[in-house]
Amino acid sequence: MVVLNDSEIKIALDNLPGWKYEKGSIVKIFITQNFPSTMGFVSAVGGFCQRRNHHPDYILVKFKEVEVSFSTHSVGGITQNDIDAASDLEKIPI
């Protein structure tokens, strides 16, 4: 896997609203309607990521917020796999 450079990451994130490049990861906070929606979203994230076999670094769950962060630890940076996983999450209805 090839690590993307800063300009490639910026271009990729231009097409992913709300995603930011922070501290070596791409990160987004998803806002849900209520706690049941939050838990449903977390479950959907798990399903998408398991099928892709690429899992978020962490998911921080609050009442109506879910923070998701991706990077590829094995290569020490952001890869196309991270961008594709983030794009998959955009397809989950909130």
PDB file of N, CA and C in Angstrom:
ATOM      1  N   MET A   1       0.828  -1.180   0.000  1.00  0.00           N
ATOM      2  CA  MET A   1       0.000   0.000   0.000  1.00  0.00           C
ATOM      3  C   MET A   1       0.874   1.245   0.000  1.00  0.00           C
ATOM      4  N   VAL A   2       0.422   2.218  -0.741  1.00  0.00           N
ATOM      5  CA  VAL A   2       1.159   3.464  -0.882  1.00  0.00           C
ATOM      6  C   VAL A   2       0.581   4.510   0.065  1.00  0.00           C
ATOM      7  N   VAL A   3       1.457   5.178   0.806  1.00  0.00           N
ATOM      8  CA  VAL A   3       1.038   6.277   1.683  1.00  0.00           C
ATOM      9  C   VAL A   3       0.787   7.510   0.822  1.00  0.00           C
ATOM     10  N   LEU A   4      -0.362   8.139   1.029  1.00  0.00           N
ATOM     11  CA  LEU A   4      -0.685   9.353   0.295  1.00  0.00           C
ATOM     12  C   LEU A   4       0.063  10.548   0.886  1.00  0.00           C
ATOM     13  N   ASN A   5       0.466  11.479   0.026  1.00  0.00           N
ATOM     14  CA  ASN A   5       1.118  12.688   0.537  1.00  0.00           C
ATOM     15  C   ASN A   5       0.044  13.701   0.937  1.00  0.00           C
ATOM     16  N   ASP A   6       0.476  14.780   1.563  1.00  0.00           N
ATOM     17  CA  ASP A   6      -0.470  15.772   2.090  1.00  0.00           C
ATOM     18  C   ASP A   6      -1.403  16.332   1.017  1.00  0.00           C
ATOM     19  N   SER A   7      -0.873  16.619  -0.167  1.00  0.00           N
ATOM     20  CA  SER A   7      -1.735  17.195  -1.204  1.00  0.00           C
ATOM     21  C   SER A   7      -2.735  16.155  -1.721  1.00  0.00           C
ATOM     22  N   GLU A   8      -2.342  14.893  -1.815  1.00  0.00           N
ATOM     23  CA  GLU A   8      -3.273  13.843  -2.236  1.00  0.00           C
ATOM     24  C   GLU A   8      -4.381  13.655  -1.199  1.00  0.00           C
ATOM     25  N   ILE A   9      -4.010  13.740   0.062  1.00  0.00           N
ATOM     26  CA  ILE A   9      -5.005  13.624   1.137  1.00  0.00           C
ATOM     27  C   ILE A   9      -5.983  14.793   1.063  1.00  0.00           C
ATOM     28  N   LYS A  10      -5.456  16.004   0.879  1.00  0.00           N
ATOM     29  CA  LYS A  10      -6.319  17.182   0.803  1.00  0.00           C
ATOM     30  C   LYS A  10      -7.299  17.062  -0.351  1.00  0.00           C
ATOM     31  N   ILE A  11      -6.834  16.636  -1.501  1.00  0.00           N
ATOM     32  CA  ILE A  11      -7.708  16.482  -2.670  1.00  0.00           C
ATOM     33  C   ILE A  11      -8.793  15.448  -2.382  1.00  0.00           C
ATOM     34  N   ALA A  12      -8.393  14.332  -1.788  1.00  0.00           N
ATOM     35  CA  ALA A  12      -9.357  13.272  -1.467  1.00  0.00           C
ATOM     36  C   ALA A  12     -10.410  13.770  -0.476  1.00  0.00           C
ATOM     37  N   LEU A  13      -9.977  14.523   0.528  1.00  0.00           N
ATOM     38  CA  LEU A  13     -10.910  15.005   1.548  1.00  0.00           C
ATOM     39  C   LEU A  13     -11.830  16.104   1.033  1.00  0.00           C
ATOM     40  N   ASP A  14     -11.437  16.765  -0.047  1.00  0.00           N
ATOM     41  CA  ASP A  14     -12.323  17.767  -0.657  1.00  0.00           C
ATOM     42  C   ASP A  14     -13.636  17.121  -1.100  1.00  0.00           C
ATOM     43  N   ASN A  15     -13.602  15.826  -1.365  1.00  0.00           N
ATOM     44  CA  ASN A  15     -14.794  15.094  -1.804  1.00  0.00           C
ATOM     45  C   ASN A  15     -15.491  14.374  -0.660  1.00  0.00           C
ATOM     46  N   LEU A  16     -15.017  14.576   0.553  1.00  0.00           N
ATOM     47  CA  LEU A  16     -15.603  13.927   1.735  1.00  0.00           C
ATOM     48  C   LEU A  16     -15.952  15.001   2.761  1.00  0.00           C
ATOM     49  N   PRO A  17     -17.173  15.523   2.711  1.00  0.00           N
ATOM     50  CA  PRO A  17     -17.545  16.633   3.591  1.00  0.00           C
ATOM     51  C   PRO A  17     -17.404  16.282   5.065  1.00  0.00           C
ATOM     52  N   GLY A  18     -16.776  17.191   5.795  1.00  0.00           N
ATOM     53  CA  GLY A  18     -16.649  17.039   7.236  1.00  0.00           C
ATOM     54  C   GLY A  18     -15.418  16.262   7.691  1.00  0.00           C
ATOM     55  N   TRP A  19     -14.735  15.584   6.780  1.00  0.00           N
ATOM     56  CA  TRP A  19     -13.529  14.837   7.145  1.00  0.00           C
ATOM     57  C   TRP A  19     -12.346  15.795   7.201  1.00  0.00           C
ATOM     58  N   LYS A  20     -11.476  15.595   8.200  1.00  0.00           N
ATOM     59  CA  LYS A  20     -10.286  16.424   8.386  1.00  0.00           C
ATOM     60  C   LYS A  20      -9.078  15.524   8.530  1.00  0.00           C
ATOM     61  N   TYR A  21      -7.935  16.055   8.199  1.00  0.00           N
ATOM     62  CA  TYR A  21      -6.661  15.356   8.395  1.00  0.00           C
ATOM     63  C   TYR A  21      -6.032  15.914   9.660  1.00  0.00           C
ATOM     64  N   GLU A  22      -5.953  15.086  10.703  1.00  0.00           N
ATOM     65  CA  GLU A  22      -5.437  15.522  12.001  1.00  0.00           C
ATOM     66  C   GLU A  22      -4.530  14.458  12.594  1.00  0.00           C
ATOM     67  N   LYS A  23      -3.342  14.855  12.978  1.00  0.00           N
ATOM     68  CA  LYS A  23      -2.430  13.980  13.721  1.00  0.00           C
ATOM     69  C   LYS A  23      -2.246  12.614  13.061  1.00  0.00           C
ATOM     70  N   GLY A  24      -2.084  12.618  11.746  1.00  0.00           N
ATOM     71  CA  GLY A  24      -1.797  11.384  11.029  1.00  0.00           C
ATOM     72  C   GLY A  24      -2.997  10.513  10.725  1.00  0.00           C
ATOM     73  N   SER A  25      -4.205  11.014  10.956  1.00  0.00           N
ATOM     74  CA  SER A  25      -5.430  10.258  10.677  1.00  0.00           C
ATOM     75  C   SER A  25      -6.424  11.156   9.965  1.00  0.00           C
ATOM     76  N   ILE A  26      -7.389  10.526   9.299  1.00  0.00           N
ATOM     77  CA  ILE A  26      -8.525  11.293   8.804  1.00  0.00           C
ATOM     78  C   ILE A  26      -9.662  11.061   9.791  1.00  0.00           C
ATOM     79  N   VAL A  27     -10.348  12.149  10.140  1.00  0.00           N
ATOM     80  CA  VAL A  27     -11.298  12.130  11.253  1.00  0.00           C
ATOM     81  C   VAL A  27     -12.572  12.869  10.864  1.00  0.00           C
ATOM     82  N   LYS A  28     -13.696  12.333  11.330  1.00  0.00           N
ATOM     83  CA  LYS A  28     -14.967  13.043  11.169  1.00  0.00           C
ATOM     84  C   LYS A  28     -15.836  12.767  12.386  1.00  0.00           C
ATOM     85  N   ILE A  29     -16.577  13.798  12.797  1.00  0.00           N
ATOM     86  CA  ILE A  29     -17.599  13.637  13.837  1.00  0.00           C
ATOM     87  C   ILE A  29     -18.952  13.617  13.136  1.00  0.00           C
ATOM     88  N   PHE A  30     -19.661  12.507  13.296  1.00  0.00           N
ATOM     89  CA  PHE A  30     -20.999  12.353  12.749  1.00  0.00           C
ATOM     90  C   PHE A  30     -21.996  12.722  13.837  1.00  0.00           C
ATOM     91  N   ILE A  31     -22.989  13.527  13.492  1.00  0.00           N
ATOM     92  CA  ILE A  31     -24.030  13.945  14.426  1.00  0.00           C
ATOM     93  C   ILE A  31     -25.293  13.146  14.111  1.00  0.00           C
ATOM     94  N   THR A  32     -25.858  12.528  15.137  1.00  0.00           N
ATOM     95  CA  THR A  32     -27.057  11.716  14.965  1.00  0.00           C
ATOM     96  C   THR A  32     -28.266  12.422  15.587  1.00  0.00           C
ATOM     97  N   GLN A  33     -29.439  11.827  15.428  1.00  0.00           N
ATOM     98  CA  GLN A  33     -30.668  12.413  15.940  1.00  0.00           C
ATOM     99  C   GLN A  33     -30.870  12.171  17.436  1.00  0.00           C
ATOM    100  N   ASN A  34     -30.440  10.991  17.893  1.00  0.00           N
ATOM    101  CA  ASN A  34     -30.668  10.613  19.290  1.00  0.00           C
ATOM    102  C   ASN A  34     -29.794   9.398  19.612  1.00  0.00           C
ATOM    103  N   PHE A  35     -29.843   8.939  20.845  1.00  0.00           N
ATOM    104  CA  PHE A  35     -28.973   7.833  21.245  1.00  0.00           C
ATOM    105  C   PHE A  35     -29.248   6.547  20.461  1.00  0.00           C
ATOM    106  N   PRO A  36     -30.506   6.147  20.235  1.00  0.00           N
ATOM    107  CA  PRO A  36     -30.719   4.953  19.413  1.00  0.00           C
ATOM    108  C   PRO A  36     -30.107   5.099  18.011  1.00  0.00           C
ATOM    109  N   SER A  37     -30.206   6.295  17.423  1.00  0.00           N
ATOM    110  CA  SER A  37     -29.582   6.533  16.115  1.00  0.00           C
ATOM    111  C   SER A  37     -28.061   6.410  16.212  1.00  0.00           C
ATOM    112  N   THR A  38     -27.507   6.913  17.303  1.00  0.00           N
ATOM    113  CA  THR A  38     -26.067   6.806  17.521  1.00  0.00           C
ATOM    114  C   THR A  38     -25.637   5.348  17.529  1.00  0.00           C
ATOM    115  N   MET A  39     -26.332   4.534  18.293  1.00  0.00           N
ATOM    116  CA  MET A  39     -25.958   3.127  18.399  1.00  0.00           C
ATOM    117  C   MET A  39     -26.174   2.395  17.076  1.00  0.00           C
ATOM    118  N   GLY A  40     -27.217   2.748  16.343  1.00  0.00           N
ATOM    119  CA  GLY A  40     -27.438   2.155  15.028  1.00  0.00           C
ATOM    120  C   GLY A  40     -26.326   2.509  14.065  1.00  0.00           C
ATOM    121  N   PHE A  41     -25.888   3.770  14.120  1.00  0.00           N
ATOM    122  CA  PHE A  41     -24.797   4.211  13.256  1.00  0.00           C
ATOM    123  C   PHE A  41     -23.508   3.456  13.593  1.00  0.00           C
ATOM    124  N   VAL A  42     -23.206   3.332  14.884  1.00  0.00           N
ATOM    125  CA  VAL A  42     -22.006   2.602  15.307  1.00  0.00           C
ATOM    126  C   VAL A  42     -22.046   1.168  14.780  1.00  0.00           C
ATOM    127  N   SER A  43     -23.200   0.533  14.875  1.00  0.00           N
ATOM    128  CA  SER A  43     -23.345  -0.830  14.375  1.00  0.00           C
ATOM    129  C   SER A  43     -23.127  -0.886  12.858  1.00  0.00           C
ATOM    130  N   ALA A  44     -23.675   0.082  12.147  1.00  0.00           N
ATOM    131  CA  ALA A  44     -23.497   0.126  10.691  1.00  0.00           C
ATOM    132  C   ALA A  44     -22.036   0.353  10.322  1.00  0.00           C
ATOM    133  N   VAL A  45     -21.348   1.227  11.055  1.00  0.00           N
ATOM    134  CA  VAL A  45     -19.919   1.450  10.825  1.00  0.00           C
ATOM    135  C   VAL A  45     -19.172   0.126  10.988  1.00  0.00           C
ATOM    136  N   GLY A  46     -19.494  -0.595  12.046  1.00  0.00           N
ATOM    137  CA  GLY A  46     -18.840  -1.884  12.275  1.00  0.00           C
ATOM    138  C   GLY A  46     -19.040  -2.836  11.115  1.00  0.00           C
ATOM    139  N   GLY A  47     -20.256  -2.890  10.586  1.00  0.00           N
ATOM    140  CA  GLY A  47     -20.539  -3.768   9.457  1.00  0.00           C
ATOM    141  C   GLY A  47     -19.781  -3.380   8.204  1.00  0.00           C
ATOM    142  N   PHE A  48     -19.804  -2.086   7.856  1.00  0.00           N
ATOM    143  CA  PHE A  48     -19.074  -1.613   6.680  1.00  0.00           C
ATOM    144  C   PHE A  48     -17.584  -1.922   6.815  1.00  0.00           C
ATOM    145  N   CYS A  49     -17.038  -1.630   7.997  1.00  0.00           N
ATOM    146  CA  CYS A  49     -15.597  -1.803   8.196  1.00  0.00           C
ATOM    147  C   CYS A  49     -15.205  -3.275   8.234  1.00  0.00           C
ATOM    148  N   GLN A  50     -16.041  -4.111   8.777  1.00  0.00           N
ATOM    149  CA  GLN A  50     -15.740  -5.537   8.811  1.00  0.00           C
ATOM    150  C   GLN A  50     -15.731  -6.114   7.393  1.00  0.00           C
ATOM    151  N   ARG A  51     -16.694  -5.732   6.572  1.00  0.00           N
ATOM    152  CA  ARG A  51     -16.723  -6.208   5.184  1.00  0.00           C
ATOM    153  C   ARG A  51     -15.498  -5.731   4.418  1.00  0.00           C
ATOM    154  N   ARG A  52     -15.053  -4.538   4.710  1.00  0.00           N
ATOM    155  CA  ARG A  52     -13.888  -3.974   4.036  1.00  0.00           C
ATOM    156  C   ARG A  52     -12.580  -4.497   4.650  1.00  0.00           C
ATOM    157  N   ASN A  53     -12.677  -5.077   5.847  1.00  0.00           N
ATOM    158  CA  ASN A  53     -11.513  -5.531   6.619  1.00  0.00           C
ATOM    159  C   ASN A  53     -10.533  -4.377   6.852  1.00  0.00           C
ATOM    160  N   HIS A  54     -11.111  -3.227   7.157  1.00  0.00           N
ATOM    161  CA  HIS A  54     -10.308  -2.049   7.493  1.00  0.00           C
ATOM    162  C   HIS A  54     -11.102  -1.284   8.545  1.00  0.00           C
ATOM    163  N   HIS A  55     -10.594  -1.263   9.731  1.00  0.00           N
ATOM    164  CA  HIS A  55     -11.360  -0.780  10.876  1.00  0.00           C
ATOM    165  C   HIS A  55     -10.854   0.573  11.356  1.00  0.00           C
ATOM    166  N   PRO A  56     -11.763   1.386  11.906  1.00  0.00           N
ATOM    167  CA  PRO A  56     -11.345   2.692  12.411  1.00  0.00           C
ATOM    168  C   PRO A  56     -10.397   2.533  13.590  1.00  0.00           C
ATOM    169  N   ASP A  57      -9.547   3.534  13.765  1.00  0.00           N
ATOM    170  CA  ASP A  57      -8.652   3.546  14.917  1.00  0.00           C
ATOM    171  C   ASP A  57      -9.469   3.572  16.203  1.00  0.00           C
ATOM    172  N   TYR A  58     -10.526   4.349  16.194  1.00  0.00           N
ATOM    173  CA  TYR A  58     -11.401   4.405  17.356  1.00  0.00           C
ATOM    174  C   TYR A  58     -12.735   4.987  16.955  1.00  0.00           C
ATOM    175  N   ILE A  59     -13.699   4.657  17.745  1.00  0.00           N
ATOM    176  CA  ILE A  59     -15.005   5.285  17.610  1.00  0.00           C
ATOM    177  C   ILE A  59     -15.349   5.820  18.989  1.00  0.00           C
ATOM    178  N   LEU A  60     -15.464   7.113  19.113  1.00  0.00           N
ATOM    179  CA  LEU A  60     -15.840   7.753  20.365  1.00  0.00           C
ATOM    180  C   LEU A  60     -17.320   8.071  20.288  1.00  0.00           C
ATOM    181  N   VAL A  61     -18.076   7.459  21.185  1.00  0.00           N
ATOM    182  CA  VAL A  61     -19.525   7.622  21.145  1.00  0.00           C
ATOM    183  C   VAL A  61     -19.973   8.549  22.264  1.00  0.00           C
ATOM    184  N   LYS A  62     -20.716   9.556  21.893  1.00  0.00           N
ATOM    185  CA  LYS A  62     -21.406  10.417  22.844  1.00  0.00           C
ATOM    186  C   LYS A  62     -22.892  10.274  22.552  1.00  0.00           C
ATOM    187  N   PHE A  63     -23.707  10.956  23.298  1.00  0.00           N
ATOM    188  CA  PHE A  63     -25.153  10.815  23.153  1.00  0.00           C
ATOM    189  C   PHE A  63     -25.609  10.932  21.701  1.00  0.00           C
ATOM    190  N   LYS A  64     -25.185  11.985  21.011  1.00  0.00           N
ATOM    191  CA  LYS A  64     -25.601  12.220  19.633  1.00  0.00           C
ATOM    192  C   LYS A  64     -24.421  12.468  18.702  1.00  0.00           C
ATOM    193  N   GLU A  65     -23.251  11.958  19.070  1.00  0.00           N
ATOM    194  CA  GLU A  65     -22.055  12.148  18.251  1.00  0.00           C
ATOM    195  C   GLU A  65     -21.236  10.863  18.191  1.00  0.00           C
ATOM    196  N   VAL A  66     -20.662  10.635  17.013  1.00  0.00           N
ATOM    197  CA  VAL A  66     -19.749   9.515  16.836  1.00  0.00           C
ATOM    198  C   VAL A  66     -18.526  10.054  16.101  1.00  0.00           C
ATOM    199  N   GLU A  67     -17.360   9.943  16.714  1.00  0.00           N
ATOM    200  CA  GLU A  67     -16.120  10.360  16.071  1.00  0.00           C
ATOM    201  C   GLU A  67     -15.421   9.134  15.524  1.00  0.00           C
ATOM    202  N   VAL A  68     -15.102   9.179  14.244  1.00  0.00           N
ATOM    203  CA  VAL A  68     -14.457   8.058  13.567  1.00  0.00           C
ATOM    204  C   VAL A  68     -13.127   8.534  13.010  1.00  0.00           C
ATOM    205  N   SER A  69     -12.102   7.701  13.145  1.00  0.00           N
ATOM    206  CA  SER A  69     -10.760   8.049  12.702  1.00  0.00           C
ATOM    207  C   SER A  69     -10.129   6.864  11.972  1.00  0.00           C
ATOM    208  N   PHE A  70      -9.544   7.132  10.821  1.00  0.00           N
ATOM    209  CA  PHE A  70      -8.856   6.094  10.049  1.00  0.00           C
ATOM    210  C   PHE A  70      -7.408   6.472   9.765  1.00  0.00           C
ATOM    211  N   SER A  71      -6.538   5.482   9.801  1.00  0.00           N
ATOM    212  CA  SER A  71      -5.191   5.536   9.243  1.00  0.00           C
ATOM    213  C   SER A  71      -4.775   4.090   9.028  1.00  0.00           C
ATOM    214  N   THR A  72      -3.730   3.892   8.254  1.00  0.00           N
ATOM    215  CA  THR A  72      -3.244   2.534   8.017  1.00  0.00           C
ATOM    216  C   THR A  72      -1.962   2.352   8.803  1.00  0.00           C
ATOM    217  N   HIS A  73      -2.085   1.716   9.956  1.00  0.00           N
ATOM    218  CA  HIS A  73      -0.946   1.559  10.861  1.00  0.00           C
ATOM    219  C   HIS A  73       0.207   0.805  10.215  1.00  0.00           C
ATOM    220  N   SER A  74      -0.105  -0.190   9.403  1.00  0.00           N
ATOM    221  CA  SER A  74       0.948  -1.049   8.845  1.00  0.00           C
ATOM    222  C   SER A  74       1.922  -0.285   7.946  1.00  0.00           C
ATOM    223  N   VAL A  75       1.477   0.854   7.390  1.00  0.00           N
ATOM    224  CA  VAL A  75       2.368   1.649   6.544  1.00  0.00           C
ATOM    225  C   VAL A  75       2.654   3.027   7.140  1.00  0.00           C
ATOM    226  N   GLY A  76       2.040   3.318   8.262  1.00  0.00           N
ATOM    227  CA  GLY A  76       2.333   4.567   8.964  1.00  0.00           C
ATOM    228  C   GLY A  76       1.781   5.812   8.313  1.00  0.00           C
ATOM    229  N   GLY A  77       0.586   5.732   7.745  1.00  0.00           N
ATOM    230  CA  GLY A  77       0.010   6.929   7.140  1.00  0.00           C
ATOM    231  C   GLY A  77      -1.373   6.672   6.584  1.00  0.00           C
ATOM    232  N   ILE A  78      -1.803   7.604   5.751  1.00  0.00           N
ATOM    233  CA  ILE A  78      -3.104   7.523   5.107  1.00  0.00           C
ATOM    234  C   ILE A  78      -2.918   6.885   3.736  1.00  0.00           C
ATOM    235  N   THR A  79      -3.755   5.894   3.455  1.00  0.00           N
ATOM    236  CA  THR A  79      -3.732   5.227   2.157  1.00  0.00           C
ATOM    237  C   THR A  79      -5.093   5.386   1.484  1.00  0.00           C
ATOM    238  N   GLN A  80      -5.162   4.938   0.244  1.00  0.00           N
ATOM    239  CA  GLN A  80      -6.436   4.973  -0.468  1.00  0.00           C
ATOM    240  C   GLN A  80      -7.479   4.135   0.260  1.00  0.00           C
ATOM    241  N   ASN A  81      -7.047   3.102   0.958  1.00  0.00           N
ATOM    242  CA  ASN A  81      -7.966   2.264   1.724  1.00  0.00           C
ATOM    243  C   ASN A  81      -8.688   3.087   2.797  1.00  0.00           C
ATOM    244  N   ASP A  82      -7.985   4.009   3.432  1.00  0.00           N
ATOM    245  CA  ASP A  82      -8.601   4.891   4.430  1.00  0.00           C
ATOM    246  C   ASP A  82      -9.635   5.806   3.774  1.00  0.00           C
ATOM    247  N   ILE A  83      -9.274   6.358   2.637  1.00  0.00           N
ATOM    248  CA  ILE A  83     -10.192   7.248   1.913  1.00  0.00           C
ATOM    249  C   ILE A  83     -11.433   6.472   1.481  1.00  0.00           C
ATOM    250  N   ASP A  84     -11.234   5.269   0.970  1.00  0.00           N
ATOM    251  CA  ASP A  84     -12.366   4.448   0.534  1.00  0.00           C
ATOM    252  C   ASP A  84     -13.264   4.065   1.709  1.00  0.00           C
ATOM    253  N   ALA A  85     -12.669   3.750   2.856  1.00  0.00           N
ATOM    254  CA  ALA A  85     -13.467   3.410   4.043  1.00  0.00           C
ATOM    255  C   ALA A  85     -14.284   4.622   4.487  1.00  0.00           C
ATOM    256  N   ALA A  86     -13.666   5.799   4.494  1.00  0.00           N
ATOM    257  CA  ALA A  86     -14.397   7.026   4.859  1.00  0.00           C
ATOM    258  C   ALA A  86     -15.545   7.266   3.882  1.00  0.00           C
ATOM    259  N   SER A  87     -15.288   7.051   2.604  1.00  0.00           N
ATOM    260  CA  SER A  87     -16.337   7.219   1.599  1.00  0.00           C
ATOM    261  C   SER A  87     -17.493   6.248   1.836  1.00  0.00           C
ATOM    262  N   ASP A  88     -17.188   5.014   2.229  1.00  0.00           N
ATOM    263  CA  ASP A  88     -18.232   4.042   2.561  1.00  0.00           C
ATOM    264  C   ASP A  88     -19.118   4.547   3.691  1.00  0.00           C
ATOM    265  N   LEU A  89     -18.508   5.145   4.707  1.00  0.00           N
ATOM    266  CA  LEU A  89     -19.284   5.608   5.854  1.00  0.00           C
ATOM    267  C   LEU A  89     -20.246   6.724   5.475  1.00  0.00           C
ATOM    268  N   GLU A  90     -19.904   7.481   4.435  1.00  0.00           N
ATOM    269  CA  GLU A  90     -20.792   8.556   3.972  1.00  0.00           C
ATOM    270  C   GLU A  90     -22.104   8.000   3.426  1.00  0.00           C
ATOM    271  N   LYS A  91     -22.143   6.728   3.098  1.00  0.00           N
ATOM    272  CA  LYS A  91     -23.340   6.104   2.530  1.00  0.00           C
ATOM    273  C   LYS A  91     -24.320   5.646   3.626  1.00  0.00           C
ATOM    274  N   ILE A  92     -23.893   5.687   4.872  1.00  0.00           N
ATOM    275  CA  ILE A  92     -24.738   5.232   5.971  1.00  0.00           C
ATOM    276  C   ILE A  92     -25.712   6.360   6.320  1.00  0.00           C
ATOM    277  N   PRO A  93     -27.003   6.090   6.267  1.00  0.00           N
ATOM    278  CA  PRO A  93     -27.961   7.135   6.659  1.00  0.00           C
ATOM    279  C   PRO A  93     -27.895   7.382   8.174  1.00  0.00           C
ATOM    280  N   ILE A  94     -27.993   8.642   8.525  1.00  0.00           N
ATOM    281  CA  ILE A  94     -27.959   8.993   9.960  1.00  0.00           C
ATOM    282  C   ILE A  94     -29.342   9.464  10.366  1.00  0.00           C
TER     283      ILE A  94
END
